[in-house]
Protein backbone atom coordinates (compact mmCIF):
# COMPACT_ATOMS: atom_id res chain seq x y z
CA MET A 1 -19.28 21.02 -17.64
CA THR A 2 -21.10 21.22 -20.97
CA ASP A 3 -17.97 22.66 -22.57
CA LEU A 4 -15.92 19.81 -21.11
CA LYS A 5 -18.30 17.19 -22.47
CA ASN A 6 -18.22 18.85 -25.89
CA THR A 7 -14.43 18.78 -25.80
CA LEU A 8 -14.42 15.08 -24.95
CA ASP A 9 -17.15 14.04 -27.41
CA PRO A 10 -14.79 13.33 -30.35
CA LEU A 11 -12.90 10.89 -28.14
CA LEU A 12 -16.01 9.30 -26.65
CA LEU A 13 -17.70 8.88 -30.04
CA LYS A 14 -14.63 7.17 -31.47
CA HIS A 15 -14.09 5.01 -28.38
CA ALA A 16 -17.59 4.12 -27.24
CA SER A 17 -16.32 1.68 -24.62
CA ILE A 18 -14.96 4.56 -22.50
CA GLU A 19 -17.62 5.52 -19.97
CA TYR A 20 -18.05 9.18 -19.06
CA ILE A 21 -19.42 10.08 -15.62
CA GLY A 22 -19.94 13.80 -15.08
CA ARG A 23 -20.47 15.71 -11.88
CA ASP A 24 -24.23 15.75 -12.53
CA SER A 25 -24.39 11.94 -12.83
CA PRO A 26 -26.17 10.06 -10.00
CA SER A 27 -23.17 7.72 -9.73
CA PHE A 28 -20.50 10.46 -9.57
CA SER A 29 -20.27 10.57 -5.76
CA ASP A 30 -19.98 6.80 -5.38
CA THR A 31 -17.50 6.53 -8.26
CA THR A 32 -15.17 9.19 -6.86
CA ARG A 33 -15.45 8.15 -3.22
CA VAL A 34 -12.17 7.07 -1.62
CA TRP A 35 -11.36 5.53 1.75
CA ASN A 36 -10.22 8.86 3.17
CA VAL A 37 -13.51 10.69 2.70
CA GLY A 38 -11.87 13.87 3.96
CA ARG A 39 -10.26 14.02 0.52
CA ASN A 40 -13.68 14.02 -1.13
CA LYS A 41 -14.66 17.12 0.82
CA SER A 42 -11.71 19.13 -0.47
CA CYS A 43 -11.20 17.71 -3.99
CA THR A 44 -13.73 17.19 -6.75
CA PRO A 45 -12.70 15.84 -10.17
CA LEU A 46 -14.15 17.45 -13.29
CA ALA A 47 -15.46 14.06 -14.45
CA VAL A 48 -14.63 10.36 -14.41
CA LEU A 49 -13.48 8.43 -17.47
CA GLN A 50 -13.61 4.64 -17.21
CA PRO A 51 -11.60 2.80 -19.91
CA GLN A 52 -12.24 -0.87 -20.53
CA SER A 53 -8.91 -1.82 -22.12
CA ALA A 54 -5.30 -0.78 -22.53
CA GLN A 55 -6.24 0.59 -25.95
CA ASP A 56 -8.85 2.81 -24.32
CA VAL A 57 -6.26 4.12 -21.88
CA ALA A 58 -3.82 4.83 -24.70
CA ALA A 59 -6.48 6.76 -26.62
CA LEU A 60 -7.40 8.70 -23.48
CA VAL A 61 -3.84 9.70 -22.66
CA HIS A 62 -3.12 10.72 -26.26
CA PHE A 63 -6.28 12.83 -26.45
CA LEU A 64 -5.89 14.51 -23.06
CA HIS A 65 -2.24 15.25 -23.83
CA ASN A 66 -3.19 16.97 -27.08
CA GLN A 67 -6.02 18.92 -25.42
CA GLY A 68 -3.88 19.98 -22.46
CA LEU A 69 -6.42 18.58 -20.00
CA PRO A 70 -5.06 17.60 -16.54
CA PHE A 71 -5.90 14.17 -15.18
CA SER A 72 -5.17 11.76 -12.35
CA VAL A 73 -5.26 7.96 -12.34
CA ARG A 74 -7.09 5.67 -9.93
CA THR A 75 -6.19 2.00 -9.52
CA GLY A 76 -7.94 1.33 -6.22
CA GLY A 77 -8.73 4.25 -3.95
CA HIS A 78 -7.60 3.05 -0.53
CA ASN A 79 -4.52 5.27 -0.46
CA ILE A 80 -4.66 6.94 2.95
CA GLU A 81 -4.13 10.38 1.47
CA GLY A 82 -6.69 9.70 -1.28
CA LYS A 83 -4.29 11.22 -3.80
CA SER A 84 -5.97 9.69 -6.85
CA ILE A 85 -8.70 12.29 -6.31
CA GLN A 86 -7.52 15.72 -7.46
CA ASN A 87 -9.50 18.93 -7.63
CA ASP A 88 -10.66 20.14 -11.06
CA THR A 89 -8.94 17.37 -13.01
CA LEU A 90 -10.28 14.44 -14.96
CA LEU A 91 -10.10 11.07 -13.23
CA ILE A 92 -9.07 8.02 -15.25
CA ASP A 93 -10.54 5.12 -13.30
CA LEU A 94 -8.81 1.84 -14.20
CA ARG A 95 -10.89 -0.46 -12.03
CA ALA A 96 -12.54 -2.16 -15.02
CA LEU A 97 -9.09 -3.53 -15.92
CA ASP A 98 -9.33 -6.33 -13.39
CA PHE A 99 -8.48 -9.49 -15.34
CA VAL A 100 -6.20 -12.32 -14.18
CA HIS A 101 -4.52 -14.59 -16.75
CA ILE A 102 -2.46 -17.44 -15.29
CA ALA A 103 0.52 -18.59 -17.35
CA PRO A 104 0.51 -22.20 -18.59
CA ASP A 105 3.45 -23.06 -16.32
CA ARG A 106 1.50 -21.60 -13.33
CA LYS A 107 4.58 -19.65 -12.23
CA SER A 108 3.22 -16.22 -13.11
CA ALA A 109 0.02 -14.33 -13.79
CA THR A 110 -0.76 -11.30 -15.95
CA ILE A 111 -3.19 -8.96 -14.24
CA GLY A 112 -5.05 -5.78 -15.10
CA GLY A 113 -3.87 -2.44 -13.78
CA GLY A 114 -7.07 -1.77 -11.87
CA ILE A 115 -7.49 -5.06 -10.02
CA LEU A 116 -8.12 -5.01 -6.29
CA GLN A 117 -6.12 -7.27 -4.00
CA GLY A 118 -9.13 -9.24 -2.82
CA LYS A 119 -10.15 -10.29 -6.33
CA LEU A 120 -6.57 -11.14 -7.28
CA GLY A 121 -6.04 -13.25 -4.17
CA GLU A 122 -9.34 -15.06 -4.51
CA THR A 123 -8.85 -15.79 -8.22
CA LEU A 124 -5.38 -17.25 -7.70
CA TRP A 125 -6.45 -19.24 -4.62
CA LYS A 126 -9.15 -21.02 -6.64
CA GLU A 127 -6.34 -22.28 -8.84
CA GLY A 128 -4.15 -23.36 -5.91
CA LEU A 129 -1.88 -20.34 -6.27
CA ILE A 130 -0.84 -17.30 -4.27
CA THR A 131 1.11 -14.11 -4.81
CA PRO A 132 2.11 -11.67 -2.07
CA THR A 133 -0.42 -8.93 -1.41
CA GLY A 134 -1.27 -6.58 1.39
CA SER A 135 -3.97 -7.44 3.91
CA ILE A 136 -6.92 -5.26 2.85
CA PRO A 137 -9.09 -6.59 -0.01
CA ASP A 138 -10.18 -3.27 -1.53
CA VAL A 139 -6.67 -1.89 -1.99
CA GLY A 140 -5.54 -1.59 -5.63
CA TYR A 141 -2.82 -4.16 -6.27
CA VAL A 142 -0.72 -2.11 -8.70
CA GLY A 143 -0.42 0.86 -6.37
CA TRP A 144 0.40 -1.40 -3.44
CA SER A 145 3.02 -3.45 -5.27
CA THR A 146 4.80 -0.83 -7.37
CA TYR A 147 5.55 1.45 -4.41
CA GLY A 148 7.11 -1.36 -2.38
CA GLY A 149 4.40 -3.62 -1.02
CA TYR A 150 4.99 -4.47 2.64
CA GLY A 151 2.89 -7.35 3.88
CA LEU A 152 2.64 -10.61 5.75
CA PHE A 153 3.93 -12.68 2.83
CA ALA A 154 7.16 -10.69 2.46
CA PRO A 155 9.33 -12.77 4.84
CA ARG A 156 8.68 -15.87 2.70
CA TRP A 157 8.54 -14.49 -0.85
CA GLY A 158 9.59 -10.85 -0.81
CA LEU A 159 7.88 -7.51 -1.15
CA GLY A 160 5.17 -6.75 -3.67
CA VAL A 161 7.72 -4.94 -5.84
CA ASP A 162 9.82 -8.13 -5.94
CA GLN A 163 7.01 -10.05 -7.61
CA ILE A 164 6.81 -7.84 -10.71
CA LEU A 165 8.28 -9.54 -13.78
CA GLY A 166 7.05 -7.11 -16.40
CA ALA A 167 4.45 -4.49 -17.23
CA LYS A 168 2.68 -2.62 -20.00
CA VAL A 169 2.76 1.13 -19.61
CA VAL A 170 0.96 3.86 -21.55
CA LYS A 171 3.47 6.64 -22.08
CA ALA A 172 2.86 10.38 -22.37
CA ASP A 173 2.46 10.23 -26.16
CA GLY A 174 -0.22 7.53 -25.88
CA THR A 175 1.97 4.66 -27.02
CA VAL A 176 1.98 1.39 -25.10
CA VAL A 177 5.39 0.02 -24.16
CA ASP A 178 6.17 -3.44 -22.82
CA THR A 179 8.92 -3.28 -20.21
CA ASP A 180 10.44 -6.44 -21.71
CA GLU A 181 11.78 -3.95 -24.26
CA ASP A 182 12.74 -1.35 -21.64
CA PRO A 183 14.32 -2.85 -18.50
CA GLU A 184 15.18 0.64 -17.21
CA LEU A 185 11.49 1.53 -17.16
CA LEU A 186 10.66 -1.73 -15.40
CA LYS A 187 13.21 -0.92 -12.70
CA GLY A 188 11.67 2.53 -12.33
CA ILE A 189 8.06 1.45 -11.87
CA LYS A 190 9.29 -1.09 -9.29
CA GLY A 191 9.39 1.49 -6.53
CA ALA A 192 8.19 4.68 -8.22
CA GLY A 193 4.90 3.35 -9.60
CA GLY A 194 3.00 5.39 -12.14
CA VAL A 195 5.09 8.56 -12.30
CA PHE A 196 6.36 7.62 -15.78
CA GLY A 197 3.06 6.50 -17.33
CA VAL A 198 -0.19 4.61 -16.76
CA ILE A 199 0.46 1.01 -15.75
CA VAL A 200 -2.28 -0.96 -17.51
CA GLU A 201 -0.94 -4.47 -16.93
CA VAL A 202 1.62 -6.24 -14.76
CA ARG A 203 3.03 -9.75 -14.82
CA VAL A 204 3.76 -11.13 -11.36
CA LYS A 205 5.18 -14.27 -9.81
CA ALA A 206 2.78 -16.95 -8.58
CA TYR A 207 3.43 -19.73 -6.08
CA GLU A 208 1.76 -23.06 -5.40
CA ALA A 209 -0.30 -22.85 -2.20
CA LYS A 210 -2.87 -25.23 -0.80
CA GLN A 211 -3.09 -24.06 2.80
CA LEU A 212 -2.53 -21.08 5.03
CA LEU A 213 -2.44 -20.57 8.78
CA SER A 214 -3.42 -17.16 10.09
CA GLY A 215 -5.20 -15.29 12.82
CA VAL A 216 -5.02 -12.57 15.43
CA ILE A 217 -3.52 -12.89 18.90
CA MET A 218 -4.55 -10.07 21.25
CA PHE A 219 -2.96 -9.52 24.65
CA GLU A 220 -4.19 -8.18 27.97
CA SER A 221 -3.55 -4.45 27.57
CA SER A 222 -4.85 -2.63 30.63
CA ASP A 223 -1.29 -1.30 30.86
CA ILE A 224 -0.64 -1.09 27.11
CA LYS A 225 2.80 0.43 27.51
CA LYS A 226 4.00 -2.46 29.68
CA THR A 227 2.38 -4.99 27.34
CA PHE A 228 4.15 -3.46 24.34
CA VAL A 229 7.53 -3.22 26.10
CA ASP A 230 7.40 -6.74 27.51
CA PHE A 231 6.27 -8.28 24.21
CA ASN A 232 9.04 -6.64 22.22
CA ALA A 233 11.72 -7.69 24.68
CA ALA A 234 10.54 -11.29 24.44
CA PHE A 235 10.02 -11.11 20.66
CA GLN A 236 13.54 -9.76 20.14
CA ALA A 237 14.91 -12.71 22.11
CA LEU A 238 12.89 -15.06 19.91
CA GLN A 239 14.26 -13.41 16.78
CA ASP A 240 17.81 -13.66 18.11
CA GLU A 241 17.17 -17.38 18.47
CA GLY A 242 15.96 -17.44 14.85
CA ILE A 243 12.47 -17.61 13.35
CA PRO A 244 11.60 -19.18 9.99
CA ASP A 245 10.79 -17.12 6.88
CA ALA A 246 7.43 -18.90 6.71
CA LEU A 247 6.35 -17.04 9.86
CA ALA A 248 5.20 -13.40 9.67
CA VAL A 249 4.24 -11.38 12.73
CA GLN A 250 2.70 -7.93 12.38
CA GLN A 251 2.27 -6.00 15.62
CA ILE A 252 -0.85 -3.86 15.94
CA ALA A 253 -2.33 -1.46 18.46
CA ILE A 254 -6.02 -0.76 17.92
CA ASN A 255 -9.11 0.58 19.61
CA ALA A 256 -11.74 -2.09 20.29
CA PRO A 257 -14.90 -2.18 22.45
CA PRO A 258 -12.83 -3.20 25.51
CA GLY A 259 -10.51 -0.23 24.91
CA ARG A 260 -6.95 0.06 23.59
CA LEU A 261 -5.52 -3.35 22.71
CA PHE A 262 -2.10 -4.54 21.60
CA GLY A 263 -1.72 -7.71 19.61
CA THR A 264 -0.32 -9.39 16.53
CA ILE A 265 -1.50 -10.70 13.19
CA VAL A 266 0.22 -14.02 12.55
CA VAL A 267 0.61 -15.72 9.16
CA TRP A 268 2.30 -19.06 8.46
CA THR A 269 2.90 -19.89 4.78
CA GLY A 270 4.89 -23.10 5.26
CA ASP A 271 3.71 -26.56 4.20
CA ASP A 272 3.87 -27.98 7.73
CA LEU A 273 0.82 -26.54 9.52
CA ASP A 274 1.67 -28.28 12.77
CA GLU A 275 4.99 -26.44 12.82
CA GLY A 276 3.11 -23.23 12.13
CA LYS A 277 0.80 -23.88 15.06
CA ARG A 278 3.80 -24.41 17.33
CA TRP A 279 5.24 -21.07 16.30
CA ALA A 280 1.89 -19.34 16.75
CA ALA A 281 1.71 -20.81 20.26
CA ARG A 282 5.18 -19.40 20.99
CA ILE A 283 4.02 -15.94 19.88
CA ALA A 284 0.95 -16.25 22.11
CA GLN A 285 3.23 -16.98 25.06
CA LEU A 286 5.00 -13.62 24.69
CA GLY A 287 2.22 -11.95 26.66
CA ILE A 288 -1.07 -12.71 28.38
CA ALA A 289 -3.19 -13.79 25.44
CA ILE A 290 -6.88 -12.92 25.74
CA MET A 291 -7.82 -13.91 22.19
CA ASN A 292 -6.22 -16.29 19.71
CA THR A 293 -7.89 -16.95 16.35
CA VAL A 294 -4.91 -18.53 14.59
CA ALA A 295 -6.22 -21.44 12.51
CA PRO A 296 -6.07 -22.91 9.00
CA THR A 297 -7.81 -20.59 6.56
CA ALA A 298 -8.17 -19.68 2.90
CA ILE A 299 -7.16 -16.45 1.22
CA PRO A 300 -10.76 -15.26 0.58
CA ASP A 301 -11.63 -15.77 4.26
CA TRP A 302 -8.34 -14.15 5.29
CA PHE A 303 -9.15 -11.04 3.29
CA ARG A 304 -12.69 -10.85 4.66
CA GLY A 305 -11.41 -11.07 8.23
CA ASN A 306 -8.79 -8.39 7.68
CA GLY A 307 -11.23 -6.10 5.92
CA ALA A 308 -13.64 -6.32 8.84
CA MET A 309 -10.98 -4.87 11.15
CA VAL A 310 -10.73 -1.62 9.17
CA PRO A 311 -13.41 1.12 9.08
CA THR A 312 -14.98 1.70 5.68
CA SER A 313 -14.16 5.42 5.68
CA VAL A 314 -11.84 7.72 7.59
CA TYR A 315 -10.55 11.27 7.99
CA GLY A 316 -6.90 12.01 8.63
CA SER A 317 -3.43 10.96 7.48
CA SER A 318 -0.52 8.69 8.31
CA ARG A 319 3.12 8.89 9.33
CA THR A 320 5.91 6.33 8.86
CA ALA A 321 9.34 5.63 10.27
CA ASN A 322 11.87 2.89 9.54
CA VAL A 323 13.83 1.45 12.46
CA ARG A 324 16.37 -1.34 12.69
CA GLN A 325 14.95 -2.81 15.90
CA ILE A 326 12.44 -1.99 18.58
CA THR A 327 15.07 -1.34 21.21
CA PRO A 328 14.15 -1.03 24.89
CA GLU A 329 14.33 2.77 24.52
CA LEU A 330 12.11 2.77 21.44
CA ALA A 331 9.64 0.33 23.04
CA GLU A 332 9.26 2.69 26.02
CA THR A 333 8.78 5.63 23.66
CA ILE A 334 6.17 3.90 21.50
CA GLY A 335 4.43 2.48 24.56
CA ALA A 336 4.08 5.96 26.03
CA SER A 337 2.49 7.16 22.78
CA LEU A 338 0.08 4.23 22.76
CA GLU A 339 -1.15 5.33 26.18
CA LYS A 340 -2.26 8.59 24.53
CA MET A 341 -3.76 7.06 21.39
CA PRO A 342 -7.15 8.65 20.62
CA ALA A 343 -10.04 6.25 21.19
CA ASP A 344 -11.27 5.88 17.60
CA PRO A 345 -11.42 2.61 15.61
CA ALA A 346 -9.44 4.17 12.74
CA THR A 347 -6.55 5.34 14.93
CA MET A 348 -3.93 2.64 15.15
CA LEU A 349 -0.32 1.51 14.90
CA SER A 350 0.96 -1.27 12.65
CA VAL A 351 4.52 -2.57 12.71
CA HIS A 352 5.59 -4.18 9.44
CA GLN A 353 8.70 -6.32 9.48
CA LEU A 354 11.13 -6.51 6.57
CA ARG A 355 13.35 -9.59 6.75
CA GLY A 356 14.22 -12.66 4.71
CA PRO A 357 14.24 -12.26 0.90
CA SER A 358 12.49 -8.88 1.11
CA ALA A 359 15.53 -7.45 2.93
CA THR A 360 18.05 -8.62 0.34
CA PRO A 361 19.81 -5.77 -1.53
CA THR A 362 18.87 -5.72 -5.21
CA SER A 363 19.57 -3.53 -8.23
CA ASP A 364 16.42 -4.35 -10.21
CA SER A 365 14.13 -1.82 -8.48
CA VAL A 366 14.31 1.72 -7.10
CA PHE A 367 12.86 0.68 -3.74
CA ALA A 368 15.63 1.77 -1.40
CA ALA A 369 14.85 0.35 2.06
CA ARG A 370 16.49 -3.04 1.69
CA GLU A 371 18.23 -3.79 4.96
CA PRO A 372 16.28 -5.67 7.67
CA HIS A 373 14.03 -3.21 9.48
CA LEU A 374 10.58 -2.48 10.84
CA MET A 375 8.30 0.05 9.21
CA LEU A 376 6.11 1.85 11.74
CA GLU A 377 2.75 2.76 10.20
CA ILE A 378 1.18 5.42 12.43
CA LEU A 379 -2.43 6.03 11.42
CA GLY A 380 -3.63 9.43 12.56
CA CYS A 381 -7.08 8.67 11.21
CA VAL A 382 -10.58 8.77 12.71
CA THR A 383 -14.11 7.87 11.74
CA ALA A 384 -15.49 11.04 13.39
CA GLU A 385 -14.40 14.15 11.50
CA ASP A 386 -14.36 16.39 14.56
CA LEU A 387 -11.56 14.23 16.07
CA GLN A 388 -9.28 14.47 13.02
CA GLU A 389 -7.06 17.23 14.41
CA GLU A 390 -6.50 15.30 17.64
CA ALA A 391 -5.56 12.09 15.78
CA GLU A 392 -3.16 13.80 13.40
CA LYS A 393 -1.54 15.65 16.29
CA TRP A 394 -1.06 12.31 18.07
CA ALA A 395 0.50 10.76 14.95
CA SER A 396 2.87 13.71 14.47
CA GLU A 397 3.92 13.69 18.12
CA MET A 398 4.49 9.95 18.05
CA LEU A 399 6.67 10.28 14.96
CA ALA A 400 8.65 13.08 16.59
CA SER A 401 9.20 10.98 19.70
CA VAL A 402 10.44 8.06 17.58
CA HIS A 403 12.85 10.39 15.78
CA GLY A 404 14.10 11.51 19.18
CA THR A 405 15.43 8.05 20.04
CA GLN A 406 18.87 6.65 19.26
CA ALA A 407 19.93 7.93 15.84
CA GLN A 408 21.85 4.76 14.94
CA ASN A 409 18.61 2.76 15.19
CA LEU A 410 16.75 5.00 12.73
CA LEU A 411 16.84 4.50 8.98
CA PRO A 412 16.37 7.40 6.56
CA GLY A 413 13.44 7.61 4.21
CA ALA A 414 9.67 7.36 4.13
CA TYR A 415 7.26 4.93 2.49
CA VAL A 416 5.64 6.36 -0.65
CA SER A 417 2.23 4.76 -0.12
CA LEU A 418 1.88 6.18 3.39
CA HIS A 419 3.69 9.47 2.86
CA CYS A 420 1.69 12.39 4.24
CA GLU A 421 1.32 15.35 1.89
CA GLY A 422 1.45 17.71 4.83
CA ALA A 423 4.78 16.24 5.89
CA GLN A 424 6.47 16.82 2.53
CA THR A 425 9.51 19.02 2.53
CA VAL A 426 9.37 22.25 0.55
CA CYS A 427 12.38 21.26 -1.55
CA VAL A 428 11.48 18.72 -4.25
CA GLU A 429 15.03 17.35 -4.32
CA ASP A 430 14.93 16.64 -0.59
CA ARG A 431 11.56 14.92 -0.87
CA VAL A 432 12.71 12.70 -3.74
CA LYS A 433 15.90 11.83 -1.85
CA ASN A 434 13.83 10.99 1.21
CA LEU A 435 11.61 8.62 -0.76
CA PHE A 436 14.15 6.95 -3.06
CA GLY A 437 17.52 7.28 -1.30
CA LYS A 438 20.43 6.26 -3.51
CA PHE A 439 18.04 5.80 -6.47
CA ALA A 440 16.77 9.41 -6.37
CA ASP A 441 18.85 10.66 -9.31
CA GLU A 442 17.90 7.60 -11.36
CA VAL A 443 14.19 8.19 -10.74
CA VAL A 444 14.49 11.85 -11.72
CA ALA A 445 16.38 10.93 -14.91
CA LEU A 446 13.73 8.36 -15.87
CA LYS A 447 11.01 10.95 -15.30
CA GLU A 448 12.78 13.38 -17.59
CA LYS A 449 13.21 10.69 -20.23
CA HIS A 450 9.68 9.31 -20.23
CA ASP A 451 7.59 12.29 -19.15
CA PRO A 452 9.58 15.49 -19.75
CA LYS A 453 6.46 17.68 -19.86
CA ASN A 454 5.15 16.18 -16.61
CA LEU A 455 1.88 14.99 -18.10
CA PHE A 456 1.53 12.60 -15.15
CA ALA A 457 1.89 15.47 -12.68
CA HIS A 458 -0.87 14.17 -10.41
CA THR A 459 0.57 10.71 -9.83
CA VAL A 460 2.27 9.71 -6.58
CA PRO A 461 4.79 11.00 -5.66
CA LYS A 462 5.21 14.43 -7.22
CA LEU A 463 8.68 14.62 -8.74
CA LYS A 464 8.44 18.17 -10.07
């Protein structure tokens, strides 16, 4: 490590704002810790470098490129696979780049590449604004949004990727490019994230928002399979009738002190809260509700409540599948898997719904899954390490059972943010096609154009 520090000293002396944290530093373990602590046991970075500005990042990339030193980039650290942590590489930690600058017209905001969703949401809410985010406060916004960005605001305003108006990216040669001058690059990062360079800044849409209705509705689940099947039959009928874009319903199956529970997270983003309450009541009537916390709230409180539902550290991995509908056959299949779900608070199922503007075909991003569908997020994670194998086996078996249902109801592809390394195909071309569909060739061509030597080899996903 002394040799490494000596190699980096010319950079650090010239750019004193870049903080160096070596393996022997007291803060190294906390700085490199990610949500999936299983990753920390198998991967240890050489050191952490914490830039304070885009200029610092540019200097870092230029220097490391010239020295031939491998590195990875961290924007948050909540990625289920923990892929920002790589063994024997340097870690560029962007989390100091967490600014929010609201445009004078209040229709957009420019934000730092390392900001976490909780801080972004809270900062905008104080100004009477909102932008779509995911639900967990300590997730890095740039990683969440640039790989797609499912969430409870998507039915009203679109996916996270749909909010991105522009970005500043540090390229392989250390230059900083504004995507206003390179619309092809902007399209590429909107779906493929940081595979072409380090995203140090993004400009996103902002919306006026003064109120929000949200909460959790949990149902009697002593027979969780029946509860799941009955709910989805009734929910499908409600959707056939037509539900407003202002209403988002995310189905969840979790382990709680009473045991396995099925329920929903409900969000209403419309201006008429009374109408939102009526819709929430209709959702509660789709089963035997045993808990209903739906009420007016604020984004900071919303984030705190969501964060409290998720363990602070886990072991394991995830699986995903895209389906057009939860058909009666699929509901029976998923319900049977829920009966076998390991009893750990980190093992769960989330069902994200893509409809409304988020399901509108578009040519300005490489995010491929644009028809209305549901993304099944199967978390084979546990808080107790000795149960990891059981949880991952459950997740794999559940995915296999889903794939065994009617083929015409299944959509191809996987979600980059939740893609399990262990589930990757051997063939790179097949993996890229699986992740980007009809945009696969375009993504590969952009990679060759902007990073031909694969300097950003440790970003997600691996394209070479």
